[in-house]
Amino acid sequence: MELLLLADPSEDKIRSYLSGSRCFVASSGAVVVGACVVQPRGKDTVELMSIAVHPAHQKSGYGTALLKWVIDFYRNAGVRQLEVGTGTFGYQLAFYQRHGFRVTSIDRDFFVKNYPEPIFEDGIQLFDMLRLALRYPGHVD
């Protein structure tokens, strides 16, 4: 839970999506340094609900390795697309875009409607959530 709270500040929200989800971890030896949660969204779509790397291990490639592993896992499972939601700015947006995710929609005021306390990134309050998707080749929309 501690790692997941780095990506989502609401323990209640995390608990609400853990049920029915798959959890994946990245480790360094016997130490878990990263974790992510993926939830099914229908028969051929899954959503990356959360991904986080311990601060002492950030910028070391663990997040990239974990995301690439998840992308490959679901590609091999025959999923049509992998979705994710993130803030409208910050390193997370670039992280997903570097891995092929494209913006599909904006969920206006998501963060103020769904979290009791304001969430700030680099000193700026988050209001809207960008919805992104990675569509796997070979699937027709």
N, C-alpha and C. Protein backbone atom coordinates (compact mmCIF):
# COMPACT_ATOMS: atom_id res chain seq x y z
N MET A 1 0.83 -1.19 0.00
CA MET A 1 0.00 0.00 0.00
C MET A 1 0.88 1.26 0.00
N GLU A 2 1.98 1.20 0.74
CA GLU A 2 2.86 2.36 0.86
C GLU A 2 3.33 2.85 -0.52
N LEU A 3 3.74 1.94 -1.37
CA LEU A 3 4.19 2.32 -2.71
C LEU A 3 3.05 2.93 -3.52
N LEU A 4 1.88 2.32 -3.46
CA LEU A 4 0.75 2.80 -4.26
C LEU A 4 0.30 4.19 -3.83
N LEU A 5 0.50 4.52 -2.55
CA LEU A 5 0.14 5.85 -2.07
C LEU A 5 1.03 6.94 -2.67
N LEU A 6 2.16 6.57 -3.23
CA LEU A 6 3.00 7.56 -3.92
C LEU A 6 2.33 8.05 -5.20
N ALA A 7 1.51 7.20 -5.81
CA ALA A 7 0.86 7.55 -7.07
C ALA A 7 -0.59 8.01 -6.87
N ASP A 8 -1.20 7.57 -5.79
CA ASP A 8 -2.60 7.92 -5.52
C ASP A 8 -2.70 8.21 -4.03
N PRO A 9 -2.99 9.46 -3.65
CA PRO A 9 -2.95 9.82 -2.23
C PRO A 9 -4.12 9.32 -1.39
N SER A 10 -5.09 8.65 -2.00
CA SER A 10 -6.26 8.19 -1.26
C SER A 10 -6.23 6.67 -1.04
N GLU A 11 -6.02 6.28 0.22
CA GLU A 11 -6.02 4.86 0.54
C GLU A 11 -7.38 4.24 0.24
N ASP A 12 -8.46 4.98 0.50
CA ASP A 12 -9.80 4.47 0.21
C ASP A 12 -9.97 4.20 -1.28
N LYS A 13 -9.48 5.11 -2.11
CA LYS A 13 -9.59 4.94 -3.57
C LYS A 13 -8.79 3.71 -4.02
N ILE A 14 -7.59 3.56 -3.47
CA ILE A 14 -6.77 2.39 -3.83
C ILE A 14 -7.49 1.10 -3.44
N ARG A 15 -8.01 1.06 -2.22
CA ARG A 15 -8.71 -0.14 -1.77
C ARG A 15 -9.91 -0.45 -2.67
N SER A 16 -10.56 0.61 -3.18
CA SER A 16 -11.75 0.40 -4.01
C SER A 16 -11.42 -0.26 -5.34
N TYR A 17 -10.21 -0.05 -5.86
CA TYR A 17 -9.89 -0.67 -7.15
C TYR A 17 -8.97 -1.89 -7.05
N LEU A 18 -8.51 -2.23 -5.87
CA LEU A 18 -7.66 -3.42 -5.73
C LEU A 18 -8.42 -4.72 -6.01
N SER A 19 -9.67 -4.76 -5.55
CA SER A 19 -10.47 -5.96 -5.77
C SER A 19 -10.71 -6.16 -7.26
N GLY A 20 -10.43 -7.33 -7.74
CA GLY A 20 -10.62 -7.63 -9.16
C GLY A 20 -9.49 -7.17 -10.05
N SER A 21 -8.44 -6.61 -9.46
CA SER A 21 -7.30 -6.12 -10.23
C SER A 21 -6.14 -7.09 -10.15
N ARG A 22 -5.19 -6.91 -11.05
CA ARG A 22 -3.92 -7.65 -10.99
C ARG A 22 -2.86 -6.69 -10.52
N CYS A 23 -2.00 -7.18 -9.62
CA CYS A 23 -0.90 -6.36 -9.12
C CYS A 23 0.41 -6.95 -9.65
N PHE A 24 1.31 -6.07 -10.04
CA PHE A 24 2.62 -6.45 -10.54
C PHE A 24 3.66 -5.67 -9.76
N VAL A 25 4.84 -6.26 -9.55
CA VAL A 25 5.89 -5.57 -8.82
C VAL A 25 7.21 -5.63 -9.57
N ALA A 26 8.06 -4.65 -9.27
CA ALA A 26 9.45 -4.65 -9.73
C ALA A 26 10.30 -4.80 -8.47
N SER A 27 11.35 -5.59 -8.57
CA SER A 27 12.18 -5.80 -7.39
C SER A 27 13.65 -5.65 -7.72
N SER A 28 14.38 -5.32 -6.67
CA SER A 28 15.84 -5.28 -6.72
C SER A 28 16.30 -6.29 -5.68
N GLY A 29 16.71 -7.45 -6.15
CA GLY A 29 17.00 -8.53 -5.21
C GLY A 29 15.70 -8.95 -4.57
N ALA A 30 15.66 -8.97 -3.25
CA ALA A 30 14.46 -9.36 -2.53
C ALA A 30 13.60 -8.16 -2.13
N VAL A 31 14.00 -6.96 -2.55
CA VAL A 31 13.30 -5.73 -2.15
C VAL A 31 12.35 -5.27 -3.25
N VAL A 32 11.07 -5.10 -2.91
CA VAL A 32 10.10 -4.57 -3.87
C VAL A 32 10.33 -3.07 -3.98
N VAL A 33 10.63 -2.60 -5.19
CA VAL A 33 10.92 -1.18 -5.39
C VAL A 33 9.86 -0.48 -6.24
N GLY A 34 8.98 -1.25 -6.87
CA GLY A 34 7.93 -0.66 -7.69
C GLY A 34 6.71 -1.55 -7.70
N ALA A 35 5.56 -0.94 -7.95
CA ALA A 35 4.32 -1.71 -8.00
C ALA A 35 3.33 -1.03 -8.93
N CYS A 36 2.46 -1.85 -9.50
CA CYS A 36 1.37 -1.28 -10.29
C CYS A 36 0.15 -2.17 -10.17
N VAL A 37 -1.00 -1.56 -10.47
CA VAL A 37 -2.29 -2.24 -10.39
C VAL A 37 -3.00 -2.05 -11.72
N VAL A 38 -3.50 -3.15 -12.29
CA VAL A 38 -4.22 -3.10 -13.57
C VAL A 38 -5.58 -3.76 -13.38
N GLN A 39 -6.61 -3.07 -13.86
CA GLN A 39 -7.98 -3.54 -13.68
C GLN A 39 -8.65 -3.79 -15.03
N PRO A 40 -9.40 -4.89 -15.18
CA PRO A 40 -10.13 -5.12 -16.42
C PRO A 40 -11.22 -4.08 -16.61
N ARG A 41 -11.44 -3.68 -17.86
CA ARG A 41 -12.48 -2.71 -18.21
C ARG A 41 -13.29 -3.24 -19.39
N GLY A 42 -13.80 -4.43 -19.26
CA GLY A 42 -14.50 -5.06 -20.37
C GLY A 42 -13.67 -6.22 -20.89
N LYS A 43 -14.14 -6.82 -21.98
CA LYS A 43 -13.50 -8.06 -22.43
C LYS A 43 -12.13 -7.86 -23.06
N ASP A 44 -11.86 -6.69 -23.64
CA ASP A 44 -10.58 -6.52 -24.32
C ASP A 44 -9.87 -5.21 -23.99
N THR A 45 -10.21 -4.63 -22.85
CA THR A 45 -9.57 -3.39 -22.40
C THR A 45 -9.21 -3.52 -20.93
N VAL A 46 -8.04 -3.03 -20.56
CA VAL A 46 -7.62 -2.98 -19.16
C VAL A 46 -7.15 -1.56 -18.86
N GLU A 47 -7.20 -1.20 -17.57
CA GLU A 47 -6.75 0.13 -17.17
C GLU A 47 -5.64 0.03 -16.13
N LEU A 48 -4.57 0.74 -16.38
CA LEU A 48 -3.49 0.88 -15.40
C LEU A 48 -3.98 1.88 -14.36
N MET A 49 -4.33 1.37 -13.19
CA MET A 49 -4.91 2.22 -12.15
C MET A 49 -3.84 2.99 -11.39
N SER A 50 -2.67 2.39 -11.25
CA SER A 50 -1.62 3.01 -10.46
C SER A 50 -0.28 2.37 -10.80
N ILE A 51 0.76 3.19 -10.81
CA ILE A 51 2.12 2.68 -10.95
C ILE A 51 3.02 3.60 -10.14
N ALA A 52 3.90 3.01 -9.34
CA ALA A 52 4.77 3.82 -8.49
C ALA A 52 6.09 3.10 -8.25
N VAL A 53 7.13 3.89 -8.07
CA VAL A 53 8.46 3.39 -7.73
C VAL A 53 8.92 4.12 -6.48
N HIS A 54 9.51 3.38 -5.56
CA HIS A 54 10.03 3.98 -4.32
C HIS A 54 10.97 5.12 -4.68
N PRO A 55 10.88 6.26 -3.97
CA PRO A 55 11.70 7.43 -4.30
C PRO A 55 13.20 7.15 -4.40
N ALA A 56 13.71 6.24 -3.57
CA ALA A 56 15.15 5.93 -3.60
C ALA A 56 15.55 5.21 -4.89
N HIS A 57 14.57 4.69 -5.62
CA HIS A 57 14.86 3.92 -6.83
C HIS A 57 14.31 4.57 -8.10
N GLN A 58 13.75 5.77 -7.95
CA GLN A 58 13.24 6.47 -9.13
C GLN A 58 14.39 6.91 -10.02
N LYS A 59 14.10 7.07 -11.28
CA LYS A 59 15.08 7.47 -12.30
C LYS A 59 16.17 6.41 -12.47
N SER A 60 15.84 5.16 -12.12
CA SER A 60 16.78 4.05 -12.28
C SER A 60 16.29 3.02 -13.30
N GLY A 61 15.16 3.30 -13.94
CA GLY A 61 14.64 2.40 -14.97
C GLY A 61 13.61 1.40 -14.49
N TYR A 62 13.32 1.37 -13.19
CA TYR A 62 12.36 0.39 -12.68
C TYR A 62 10.95 0.66 -13.19
N GLY A 63 10.53 1.92 -13.20
CA GLY A 63 9.20 2.26 -13.69
C GLY A 63 9.05 1.91 -15.15
N THR A 64 10.06 2.24 -15.94
CA THR A 64 10.03 1.92 -17.37
C THR A 64 9.98 0.41 -17.59
N ALA A 65 10.81 -0.33 -16.86
CA ALA A 65 10.81 -1.80 -17.00
C ALA A 65 9.46 -2.39 -16.60
N LEU A 66 8.88 -1.88 -15.53
CA LEU A 66 7.59 -2.38 -15.06
C LEU A 66 6.50 -2.08 -16.09
N LEU A 67 6.46 -0.86 -16.60
CA LEU A 67 5.45 -0.51 -17.59
C LEU A 67 5.62 -1.33 -18.87
N LYS A 68 6.86 -1.48 -19.33
CA LYS A 68 7.10 -2.28 -20.54
C LYS A 68 6.65 -3.73 -20.33
N TRP A 69 6.91 -4.27 -19.15
CA TRP A 69 6.51 -5.64 -18.85
C TRP A 69 4.99 -5.76 -18.90
N VAL A 70 4.29 -4.80 -18.30
CA VAL A 70 2.82 -4.82 -18.28
C VAL A 70 2.28 -4.68 -19.71
N ILE A 71 2.86 -3.77 -20.49
CA ILE A 71 2.44 -3.60 -21.89
C ILE A 71 2.58 -4.92 -22.65
N ASP A 72 3.71 -5.58 -22.51
CA ASP A 72 3.94 -6.85 -23.20
C ASP A 72 3.02 -7.96 -22.68
N PHE A 73 2.82 -7.99 -21.38
CA PHE A 73 1.95 -9.01 -20.78
C PHE A 73 0.55 -8.94 -21.38
N TYR A 74 -0.01 -7.74 -21.45
CA TYR A 74 -1.38 -7.60 -21.96
C TYR A 74 -1.44 -7.72 -23.48
N ARG A 75 -0.39 -7.34 -24.18
CA ARG A 75 -0.34 -7.58 -25.63
C ARG A 75 -0.42 -9.09 -25.89
N ASN A 76 0.38 -9.85 -25.16
CA ASN A 76 0.39 -11.31 -25.33
C ASN A 76 -0.91 -11.96 -24.87
N ALA A 77 -1.64 -11.28 -23.99
CA ALA A 77 -2.92 -11.80 -23.51
C ALA A 77 -4.06 -11.51 -24.49
N GLY A 78 -3.77 -10.75 -25.56
CA GLY A 78 -4.79 -10.46 -26.56
C GLY A 78 -5.67 -9.27 -26.27
N VAL A 79 -5.25 -8.44 -25.32
CA VAL A 79 -6.02 -7.24 -24.99
C VAL A 79 -5.95 -6.26 -26.16
N ARG A 80 -7.03 -5.53 -26.40
CA ARG A 80 -7.09 -4.55 -27.49
C ARG A 80 -6.41 -3.24 -27.11
N GLN A 81 -6.65 -2.79 -25.85
CA GLN A 81 -6.00 -1.55 -25.44
C GLN A 81 -5.79 -1.49 -23.94
N LEU A 82 -4.74 -0.74 -23.58
CA LEU A 82 -4.37 -0.47 -22.20
C LEU A 82 -4.62 1.02 -21.98
N GLU A 83 -5.44 1.35 -20.99
CA GLU A 83 -5.80 2.74 -20.70
C GLU A 83 -5.14 3.20 -19.41
N VAL A 84 -5.02 4.51 -19.26
CA VAL A 84 -4.50 5.10 -18.03
C VAL A 84 -5.05 6.52 -17.91
N GLY A 85 -5.19 6.99 -16.69
CA GLY A 85 -5.57 8.37 -16.43
C GLY A 85 -4.46 9.04 -15.65
N THR A 86 -4.18 10.31 -16.00
CA THR A 86 -3.12 11.04 -15.30
C THR A 86 -3.44 12.53 -15.32
N GLY A 87 -2.70 13.30 -14.56
CA GLY A 87 -2.88 14.74 -14.54
C GLY A 87 -2.55 15.36 -15.89
N THR A 88 -2.92 16.61 -16.05
CA THR A 88 -2.76 17.28 -17.34
C THR A 88 -1.35 17.80 -17.59
N PHE A 89 -0.46 17.63 -16.63
CA PHE A 89 0.93 18.06 -16.80
C PHE A 89 1.80 17.22 -15.87
N GLY A 90 3.10 17.37 -16.01
CA GLY A 90 4.02 16.65 -15.14
C GLY A 90 4.74 15.53 -15.87
N TYR A 91 5.72 14.97 -15.19
CA TYR A 91 6.55 13.93 -15.79
C TYR A 91 5.76 12.68 -16.14
N GLN A 92 4.65 12.43 -15.43
CA GLN A 92 3.87 11.22 -15.70
C GLN A 92 3.30 11.23 -17.12
N LEU A 93 2.82 12.38 -17.57
CA LEU A 93 2.25 12.48 -18.91
C LEU A 93 3.29 12.13 -19.96
N ALA A 94 4.48 12.70 -19.84
CA ALA A 94 5.56 12.40 -20.79
C ALA A 94 5.96 10.92 -20.71
N PHE A 95 5.97 10.37 -19.51
CA PHE A 95 6.32 8.96 -19.31
C PHE A 95 5.40 8.06 -20.13
N TYR A 96 4.10 8.28 -20.03
CA TYR A 96 3.15 7.46 -20.78
C TYR A 96 3.26 7.70 -22.28
N GLN A 97 3.42 8.94 -22.68
CA GLN A 97 3.50 9.24 -24.11
C GLN A 97 4.75 8.62 -24.73
N ARG A 98 5.86 8.59 -24.00
CA ARG A 98 7.07 7.94 -24.51
C ARG A 98 6.86 6.45 -24.79
N HIS A 99 5.88 5.87 -24.13
CA HIS A 99 5.62 4.44 -24.30
C HIS A 99 4.44 4.17 -25.24
N GLY A 100 4.03 5.17 -25.98
CA GLY A 100 3.02 4.96 -27.02
C GLY A 100 1.60 5.31 -26.66
N PHE A 101 1.36 5.78 -25.45
CA PHE A 101 0.00 6.16 -25.06
C PHE A 101 -0.37 7.48 -25.74
N ARG A 102 -1.64 7.59 -26.16
CA ARG A 102 -2.15 8.80 -26.80
C ARG A 102 -3.36 9.30 -26.02
N VAL A 103 -3.51 10.61 -25.96
CA VAL A 103 -4.65 11.21 -25.26
C VAL A 103 -5.93 10.87 -26.00
N THR A 104 -6.94 10.41 -25.25
CA THR A 104 -8.24 10.08 -25.84
C THR A 104 -9.35 11.00 -25.37
N SER A 105 -9.22 11.54 -24.15
CA SER A 105 -10.26 12.44 -23.63
C SER A 105 -9.77 13.16 -22.38
N ILE A 106 -10.57 14.11 -21.94
CA ILE A 106 -10.28 14.86 -20.71
C ILE A 106 -11.46 14.66 -19.77
N ASP A 107 -11.18 14.28 -18.54
CA ASP A 107 -12.20 14.15 -17.50
C ASP A 107 -12.11 15.42 -16.66
N ARG A 108 -12.94 16.40 -17.01
CA ARG A 108 -12.87 17.71 -16.37
C ARG A 108 -13.19 17.63 -14.87
N ASP A 109 -12.39 18.33 -14.08
CA ASP A 109 -12.56 18.44 -12.63
C ASP A 109 -12.50 17.09 -11.89
N PHE A 110 -11.89 16.09 -12.50
CA PHE A 110 -11.81 14.77 -11.88
C PHE A 110 -11.20 14.83 -10.48
N PHE A 111 -10.09 15.53 -10.34
CA PHE A 111 -9.36 15.50 -9.07
C PHE A 111 -10.09 16.27 -7.97
N VAL A 112 -10.83 17.31 -8.30
CA VAL A 112 -11.57 18.04 -7.27
C VAL A 112 -12.87 17.33 -6.91
N LYS A 113 -13.42 16.56 -7.84
CA LYS A 113 -14.66 15.82 -7.57
C LYS A 113 -14.40 14.51 -6.83
N ASN A 114 -13.23 13.93 -6.99
CA ASN A 114 -12.97 12.58 -6.47
C ASN A 114 -12.01 12.49 -5.30
N TYR A 115 -11.43 13.59 -4.90
CA TYR A 115 -10.50 13.58 -3.77
C TYR A 115 -10.89 14.67 -2.78
N PRO A 116 -10.90 14.36 -1.48
CA PRO A 116 -11.33 15.34 -0.49
C PRO A 116 -10.36 16.52 -0.33
N GLU A 117 -9.09 16.28 -0.56
CA GLU A 117 -8.08 17.33 -0.43
C GLU A 117 -7.52 17.67 -1.81
N PRO A 118 -7.15 18.93 -2.03
CA PRO A 118 -6.53 19.29 -3.31
C PRO A 118 -5.22 18.52 -3.52
N ILE A 119 -4.95 18.18 -4.77
CA ILE A 119 -3.71 17.49 -5.13
C ILE A 119 -2.86 18.46 -5.94
N PHE A 120 -1.60 18.60 -5.53
CA PHE A 120 -0.69 19.52 -6.20
C PHE A 120 0.46 18.75 -6.84
N GLU A 121 0.85 19.18 -8.01
CA GLU A 121 2.00 18.63 -8.73
C GLU A 121 2.88 19.81 -9.09
N ASP A 122 4.11 19.83 -8.61
CA ASP A 122 5.03 20.95 -8.87
C ASP A 122 4.43 22.30 -8.48
N GLY A 123 3.67 22.31 -7.37
CA GLY A 123 3.10 23.54 -6.86
C GLY A 123 1.83 24.01 -7.57
N ILE A 124 1.33 23.23 -8.51
CA ILE A 124 0.12 23.59 -9.26
C ILE A 124 -0.97 22.57 -8.94
N GLN A 125 -2.17 23.07 -8.63
CA GLN A 125 -3.26 22.16 -8.30
C GLN A 125 -3.76 21.43 -9.55
N LEU A 126 -3.98 20.12 -9.37
CA LEU A 126 -4.56 19.31 -10.44
C LEU A 126 -6.08 19.43 -10.40
N PHE A 127 -6.67 19.67 -11.54
CA PHE A 127 -8.12 19.69 -11.68
C PHE A 127 -8.60 18.57 -12.60
N ASP A 128 -8.09 18.56 -13.82
CA ASP A 128 -8.57 17.65 -14.86
C ASP A 128 -7.67 16.42 -14.99
N MET A 129 -8.28 15.31 -15.39
CA MET A 129 -7.52 14.09 -15.68
C MET A 129 -7.52 13.88 -17.19
N LEU A 130 -6.34 13.60 -17.72
CA LEU A 130 -6.23 13.18 -19.11
C LEU A 130 -6.39 11.68 -19.17
N ARG A 131 -7.22 11.22 -20.07
CA ARG A 131 -7.37 9.79 -20.32
C ARG A 131 -6.51 9.45 -21.53
N LEU A 132 -5.67 8.44 -21.39
CA LEU A 132 -4.79 8.02 -22.48
C LEU A 132 -5.01 6.54 -22.76
N ALA A 133 -4.67 6.13 -23.97
CA ALA A 133 -4.79 4.72 -24.32
C ALA A 133 -3.63 4.31 -25.21
N LEU A 134 -3.21 3.08 -25.01
CA LEU A 134 -2.24 2.43 -25.88
C LEU A 134 -3.02 1.34 -26.60
N ARG A 135 -3.22 1.54 -27.89
CA ARG A 135 -3.96 0.56 -28.69
C ARG A 135 -2.96 -0.40 -29.31
N TYR A 136 -3.20 -1.67 -29.10
CA TYR A 136 -2.30 -2.68 -29.64
C TYR A 136 -2.56 -2.88 -31.12
N PRO A 137 -1.49 -2.98 -31.92
CA PRO A 137 -1.65 -3.20 -33.36
C PRO A 137 -2.41 -4.50 -33.64
N GLY A 138 -3.11 -4.51 -34.76
CA GLY A 138 -3.83 -5.71 -35.16
C GLY A 138 -5.28 -5.74 -34.72
N HIS A 139 -5.69 -4.73 -33.94
CA HIS A 139 -7.08 -4.66 -33.50
C HIS A 139 -7.76 -3.51 -34.23
N VAL A 140 -8.96 -3.73 -34.72
CA VAL A 140 -9.72 -2.71 -35.44
C VAL A 140 -10.73 -2.09 -34.50
N ASP A 141 -10.78 -0.75 -34.48
CA ASP A 141 -11.77 -0.06 -33.63
C ASP A 141 -13.14 -0.06 -34.27
